[in-house]
Amino acid sequence: MSLIPSFFGGRRSNIFDPFSLDIWDPFPISTNVPSSAREVSAFANAKIDWKETPEAHVFKVDVPGIKKEEVKVEVEEGRILQISGERSREQEEKNDQWHRMERSSGKFVRRFRLPENAKTGEIKAAMENGVLTVTVPKQEEKKSKVKAIDISG
């Protein structure tokens, strides 16, 4: 709840917290960083989960608002999985007046070194509800056969 209106930067102040007052903030981060840098950094940090199951390595990437045509899944140098994409900024019309622009735009690239047991030739990817799922099957582990040897004696 704001008890003192803010005159600098549009932030709210709290009378009980002296550090919340704009007067105490000589370097307001939100106003010093260009909006394009905030947007690119927000999108560049696409959140990715990587889990290993007995059958595969599964990557889940949050990319809301991106079409599957705007995302690339590639394998480089044999075992490096690269997931990249780009969200373009909306075209602005001359007569449009923007009141707020919070959705991020820009490019992202994430790389992961796959383990040796990854079948890089059988990778599958699917996009559903803004989540890209990349499945990298694993080679079956070779179980060493134990052979009983009779002891004569």
C-alpha atoms as a PDB file:
ATOM      1  CA  MET A   1       0.000   0.000   0.000  1.00  0.00           C
ATOM      2  CA  SER A   2       1.404   3.337  -0.938  1.00  0.00           C
ATOM      3  CA  LEU A   3       1.358   6.014   1.710  1.00  0.00           C
ATOM      4  CA  ILE A   4       3.550   8.513  -0.144  1.00  0.00           C
ATOM      5  CA  PRO A   5       3.135   9.026  -3.863  1.00  0.00           C
ATOM      6  CA  SER A   6       6.193   8.587  -5.993  1.00  0.00           C
ATOM      7  CA  PHE A   7       7.336  11.528  -8.079  1.00  0.00           C
ATOM      8  CA  PHE A   8      10.371   9.799  -9.621  1.00  0.00           C
ATOM      9  CA  GLY A   9      10.250   6.735 -11.857  1.00  0.00           C
ATOM     10  CA  GLY A  10       6.639   5.796 -11.249  1.00  0.00           C
ATOM     11  CA  ARG A  11       7.406   3.317  -8.458  1.00  0.00           C
ATOM     12  CA  ARG A  12       5.338   3.179  -5.292  1.00  0.00           C
ATOM     13  CA  SER A  13       6.949   4.050  -1.969  1.00  0.00           C
ATOM     14  CA  ASN A  14       6.460   2.635   1.483  1.00  0.00           C
ATOM     15  CA  ILE A  15       6.908   5.062   4.382  1.00  0.00           C
ATOM     16  CA  PHE A  16       8.067   2.222   6.667  1.00  0.00           C
ATOM     17  CA  ASP A  17      10.849   1.119   4.308  1.00  0.00           C
ATOM     18  CA  PRO A  18      13.331   3.937   3.625  1.00  0.00           C
ATOM     19  CA  PHE A  19      14.986   1.965   0.827  1.00  0.00           C
ATOM     20  CA  SER A  20      11.753   1.757  -1.136  1.00  0.00           C
ATOM     21  CA  LEU A  21      11.696   5.521  -1.617  1.00  0.00           C
ATOM     22  CA  ASP A  22      12.904   6.600  -5.026  1.00  0.00           C
ATOM     23  CA  ILE A  23      15.075   9.211  -3.356  1.00  0.00           C
ATOM     24  CA  TRP A  24      17.218   6.373  -1.908  1.00  0.00           C
ATOM     25  CA  ASP A  25      17.661   4.687  -5.275  1.00  0.00           C
ATOM     26  CA  PRO A  26      20.329   6.612  -7.195  1.00  0.00           C
ATOM     27  CA  PHE A  27      20.543   3.939  -9.920  1.00  0.00           C
ATOM     28  CA  PRO A  28      17.019   2.775 -10.755  1.00  0.00           C
ATOM     29  CA  ILE A  29      17.620  -0.342 -12.806  1.00  0.00           C
ATOM     30  CA  SER A  30      14.252  -0.314 -14.508  1.00  0.00           C
ATOM     31  CA  THR A  31      14.828   3.095 -16.079  1.00  0.00           C
ATOM     32  CA  ASN A  32      18.531   2.721 -16.975  1.00  0.00           C
ATOM     33  CA  VAL A  33      18.159  -0.471 -19.008  1.00  0.00           C
ATOM     34  CA  PRO A  34      16.721  -0.002 -22.506  1.00  0.00           C
ATOM     35  CA  SER A  35      13.445  -1.845 -22.976  1.00  0.00           C
ATOM     36  CA  SER A  36      14.891  -3.819 -25.910  1.00  0.00           C
ATOM     37  CA  ALA A  37      17.665  -5.193 -23.661  1.00  0.00           C
ATOM     38  CA  ARG A  38      15.128  -6.303 -21.046  1.00  0.00           C
ATOM     39  CA  GLU A  39      13.040  -8.002 -23.730  1.00  0.00           C
ATOM     40  CA  VAL A  40      15.959  -9.843 -25.294  1.00  0.00           C
ATOM     41  CA  SER A  41      17.322 -10.975 -21.935  1.00  0.00           C
ATOM     42  CA  ALA A  42      13.910 -12.227 -20.832  1.00  0.00           C
ATOM     43  CA  PHE A  43      13.541 -14.307 -23.971  1.00  0.00           C
ATOM     44  CA  ALA A  44      17.193 -15.365 -24.131  1.00  0.00           C
ATOM     45  CA  ASN A  45      16.786 -17.089 -20.795  1.00  0.00           C
ATOM     46  CA  ALA A  46      14.277 -19.630 -22.093  1.00  0.00           C
ATOM     47  CA  LYS A  47      13.630 -22.022 -19.221  1.00  0.00           C
ATOM     48  CA  ILE A  48      14.696 -25.588 -19.949  1.00  0.00           C
ATOM     49  CA  ASP A  49      14.270 -28.780 -17.935  1.00  0.00           C
ATOM     50  CA  TRP A  50      16.430 -31.817 -18.743  1.00  0.00           C
ATOM     51  CA  LYS A  51      15.554 -35.164 -17.246  1.00  0.00           C
ATOM     52  CA  GLU A  52      16.919 -38.615 -17.877  1.00  0.00           C
ATOM     53  CA  THR A  53      14.633 -41.615 -17.933  1.00  0.00           C
ATOM     54  CA  PRO A  54      15.727 -45.230 -18.417  1.00  0.00           C
ATOM     55  CA  GLU A  55      14.879 -44.924 -22.130  1.00  0.00           C
ATOM     56  CA  ALA A  56      15.777 -41.322 -23.080  1.00  0.00           C
ATOM     57  CA  HIS A  57      16.960 -37.823 -22.235  1.00  0.00           C
ATOM     58  CA  VAL A  58      13.968 -35.447 -22.289  1.00  0.00           C
ATOM     59  CA  PHE A  59      14.291 -31.669 -22.680  1.00  0.00           C
ATOM     60  CA  LYS A  60      11.290 -29.408 -22.040  1.00  0.00           C
ATOM     61  CA  VAL A  61      11.607 -25.785 -23.166  1.00  0.00           C
ATOM     62  CA  ASP A  62       9.147 -23.025 -22.268  1.00  0.00           C
ATOM     63  CA  VAL A  63       8.612 -20.966 -25.441  1.00  0.00           C
ATOM     64  CA  PRO A  64       5.140 -19.458 -25.141  1.00  0.00           C
ATOM     65  CA  GLY A  65       3.875 -17.620 -28.181  1.00  0.00           C
ATOM     66  CA  ILE A  66       6.399 -19.155 -30.576  1.00  0.00           C
ATOM     67  CA  LYS A  67       5.360 -21.209 -33.583  1.00  0.00           C
ATOM     68  CA  LYS A  68       7.137 -24.468 -34.295  1.00  0.00           C
ATOM     69  CA  GLU A  69       8.502 -22.914 -37.497  1.00  0.00           C
ATOM     70  CA  GLU A  70      10.383 -20.361 -35.379  1.00  0.00           C
ATOM     71  CA  VAL A  71      12.307 -22.998 -33.383  1.00  0.00           C
ATOM     72  CA  LYS A  72      15.287 -25.098 -34.535  1.00  0.00           C
ATOM     73  CA  VAL A  73      16.575 -28.287 -32.956  1.00  0.00           C
ATOM     74  CA  GLU A  74      19.989 -29.342 -34.272  1.00  0.00           C
ATOM     75  CA  VAL A  75      22.867 -31.637 -33.406  1.00  0.00           C
ATOM     76  CA  GLU A  76      26.319 -30.145 -33.879  1.00  0.00           C
ATOM     77  CA  GLU A  77      29.717 -31.809 -33.730  1.00  0.00           C
ATOM     78  CA  GLY A  78      28.158 -35.212 -33.168  1.00  0.00           C
ATOM     79  CA  ARG A  79      26.859 -34.797 -29.605  1.00  0.00           C
ATOM     80  CA  ILE A  80      25.919 -31.155 -28.982  1.00  0.00           C
ATOM     81  CA  LEU A  81      22.184 -30.549 -28.951  1.00  0.00           C
ATOM     82  CA  GLN A  82      21.355 -26.971 -29.934  1.00  0.00           C
ATOM     83  CA  ILE A  83      17.897 -25.517 -29.390  1.00  0.00           C
ATOM     84  CA  SER A  84      17.372 -22.050 -30.849  1.00  0.00           C
ATOM     85  CA  GLY A  85      14.545 -19.770 -31.797  1.00  0.00           C
ATOM     86  CA  GLU A  86      13.421 -16.256 -32.459  1.00  0.00           C
ATOM     87  CA  ARG A  87      10.302 -14.279 -31.646  1.00  0.00           C
ATOM     88  CA  SER A  88       9.844 -11.218 -33.816  1.00  0.00           C
ATOM     89  CA  ARG A  89       8.415  -7.993 -32.528  1.00  0.00           C
ATOM     90  CA  GLU A  90       4.927  -7.145 -33.788  1.00  0.00           C
ATOM     91  CA  GLN A  91       4.726  -4.775 -36.714  1.00  0.00           C
ATOM     92  CA  GLU A  92       3.708  -1.320 -35.561  1.00  0.00           C
ATOM     93  CA  GLU A  93       1.136   0.614 -37.521  1.00  0.00           C
ATOM     94  CA  LYS A  94       1.485   4.387 -37.842  1.00  0.00           C
ATOM     95  CA  ASN A  95      -1.796   4.965 -36.058  1.00  0.00           C
ATOM     96  CA  ASP A  96      -1.176   2.486 -33.222  1.00  0.00           C
ATOM     97  CA  GLN A  97      -0.588   3.812 -29.743  1.00  0.00           C
ATOM     98  CA  TRP A  98       1.041   1.293 -27.419  1.00  0.00           C
ATOM     99  CA  HIS A  99       0.173   1.567 -23.733  1.00  0.00           C
ATOM    100  CA  ARG A 100       2.293  -1.351 -22.567  1.00  0.00           C
ATOM    101  CA  MET A 101       4.668  -3.824 -24.222  1.00  0.00           C
ATOM    102  CA  GLU A 102       5.774  -6.651 -21.917  1.00  0.00           C
ATOM    103  CA  ARG A 103       5.999  -9.703 -24.142  1.00  0.00           C
ATOM    104  CA  SER A 104       9.617 -10.408 -24.877  1.00  0.00           C
ATOM    105  CA  SER A 105      11.100 -10.731 -28.327  1.00  0.00           C
ATOM    106  CA  GLY A 106      14.507 -11.678 -29.658  1.00  0.00           C
ATOM    107  CA  LYS A 107      16.641 -14.768 -30.151  1.00  0.00           C
ATOM    108  CA  PHE A 108      17.742 -17.561 -27.872  1.00  0.00           C
ATOM    109  CA  VAL A 109      20.274 -20.355 -28.265  1.00  0.00           C
ATOM    110  CA  ARG A 110      20.888 -23.115 -25.742  1.00  0.00           C
ATOM    111  CA  ARG A 111      23.445 -25.917 -26.157  1.00  0.00           C
ATOM    112  CA  PHE A 112      23.803 -29.189 -24.278  1.00  0.00           C
ATOM    113  CA  ARG A 113      26.556 -31.793 -24.542  1.00  0.00           C
ATOM    114  CA  LEU A 114      24.791 -35.112 -24.807  1.00  0.00           C
ATOM    115  CA  PRO A 115      26.197 -38.185 -23.097  1.00  0.00           C
ATOM    116  CA  GLU A 116      27.842 -40.907 -25.150  1.00  0.00           C
ATOM    117  CA  ASN A 117      24.826 -43.199 -24.863  1.00  0.00           C
ATOM    118  CA  ALA A 118      22.563 -40.736 -26.761  1.00  0.00           C
ATOM    119  CA  LYS A 119      21.160 -41.875 -30.107  1.00  0.00           C
ATOM    120  CA  THR A 120      21.571 -38.565 -31.920  1.00  0.00           C
ATOM    121  CA  GLY A 121      20.138 -39.951 -35.157  1.00  0.00           C
ATOM    122  CA  GLU A 122      16.751 -40.682 -33.549  1.00  0.00           C
ATOM    123  CA  ILE A 123      15.917 -37.355 -31.869  1.00  0.00           C
ATOM    124  CA  LYS A 124      12.240 -36.361 -31.855  1.00  0.00           C
ATOM    125  CA  ALA A 125      10.732 -32.949 -31.103  1.00  0.00           C
ATOM    126  CA  ALA A 126       7.146 -31.848 -30.515  1.00  0.00           C
ATOM    127  CA  MET A 127       5.521 -28.525 -29.635  1.00  0.00           C
ATOM    128  CA  GLU A 128       2.380 -28.330 -27.524  1.00  0.00           C
ATOM    129  CA  ASN A 129       0.869 -25.403 -25.598  1.00  0.00           C
ATOM    130  CA  GLY A 130       4.047 -23.328 -25.741  1.00  0.00           C
ATOM    131  CA  VAL A 131       6.297 -26.165 -24.532  1.00  0.00           C
ATOM    132  CA  LEU A 132       8.861 -27.746 -26.847  1.00  0.00           C
ATOM    133  CA  THR A 133       9.669 -31.337 -25.888  1.00  0.00           C
ATOM    134  CA  VAL A 134      12.848 -32.846 -27.335  1.00  0.00           C
ATOM    135  CA  THR A 135      13.371 -36.574 -26.760  1.00  0.00           C
ATOM    136  CA  VAL A 136      16.811 -38.102 -27.287  1.00  0.00           C
ATOM    137  CA  PRO A 137      16.667 -41.922 -27.043  1.00  0.00           C
ATOM    138  CA  LYS A 138      19.449 -43.737 -25.188  1.00  0.00           C
ATOM    139  CA  GLN A 139      21.363 -46.764 -26.367  1.00  0.00           C
ATOM    140  CA  GLU A 140      20.694 -49.850 -24.361  1.00  0.00           C
ATOM    141  CA  GLU A 141      23.383 -50.533 -21.855  1.00  0.00           C
ATOM    142  CA  LYS A 142      25.300 -53.625 -22.702  1.00  0.00           C
ATOM    143  CA  LYS A 143      25.065 -55.998 -19.807  1.00  0.00           C
ATOM    144  CA  SER A 144      28.140 -58.074 -19.369  1.00  0.00           C
ATOM    145  CA  LYS A 145      27.330 -61.733 -19.414  1.00  0.00           C
ATOM    146  CA  VAL A 146      28.472 -63.638 -16.430  1.00  0.00           C
ATOM    147  CA  LYS A 147      29.600 -67.121 -17.247  1.00  0.00           C
ATOM    148  CA  ALA A 148      30.062 -69.586 -14.466  1.00  0.00           C
ATOM    149  CA  ILE A 149      33.333 -71.457 -14.622  1.00  0.00           C
ATOM    150  CA  ASP A 150      33.537 -74.897 -13.122  1.00  0.00           C
ATOM    151  CA  ILE A 151      36.397 -75.360 -10.775  1.00  0.00           C
ATOM    152  CA  SER A 152      38.019 -78.709 -11.189  1.00  0.00           C
ATOM    153  CA  GLY A 153      40.098 -80.082  -8.620  1.00  0.00           C
END
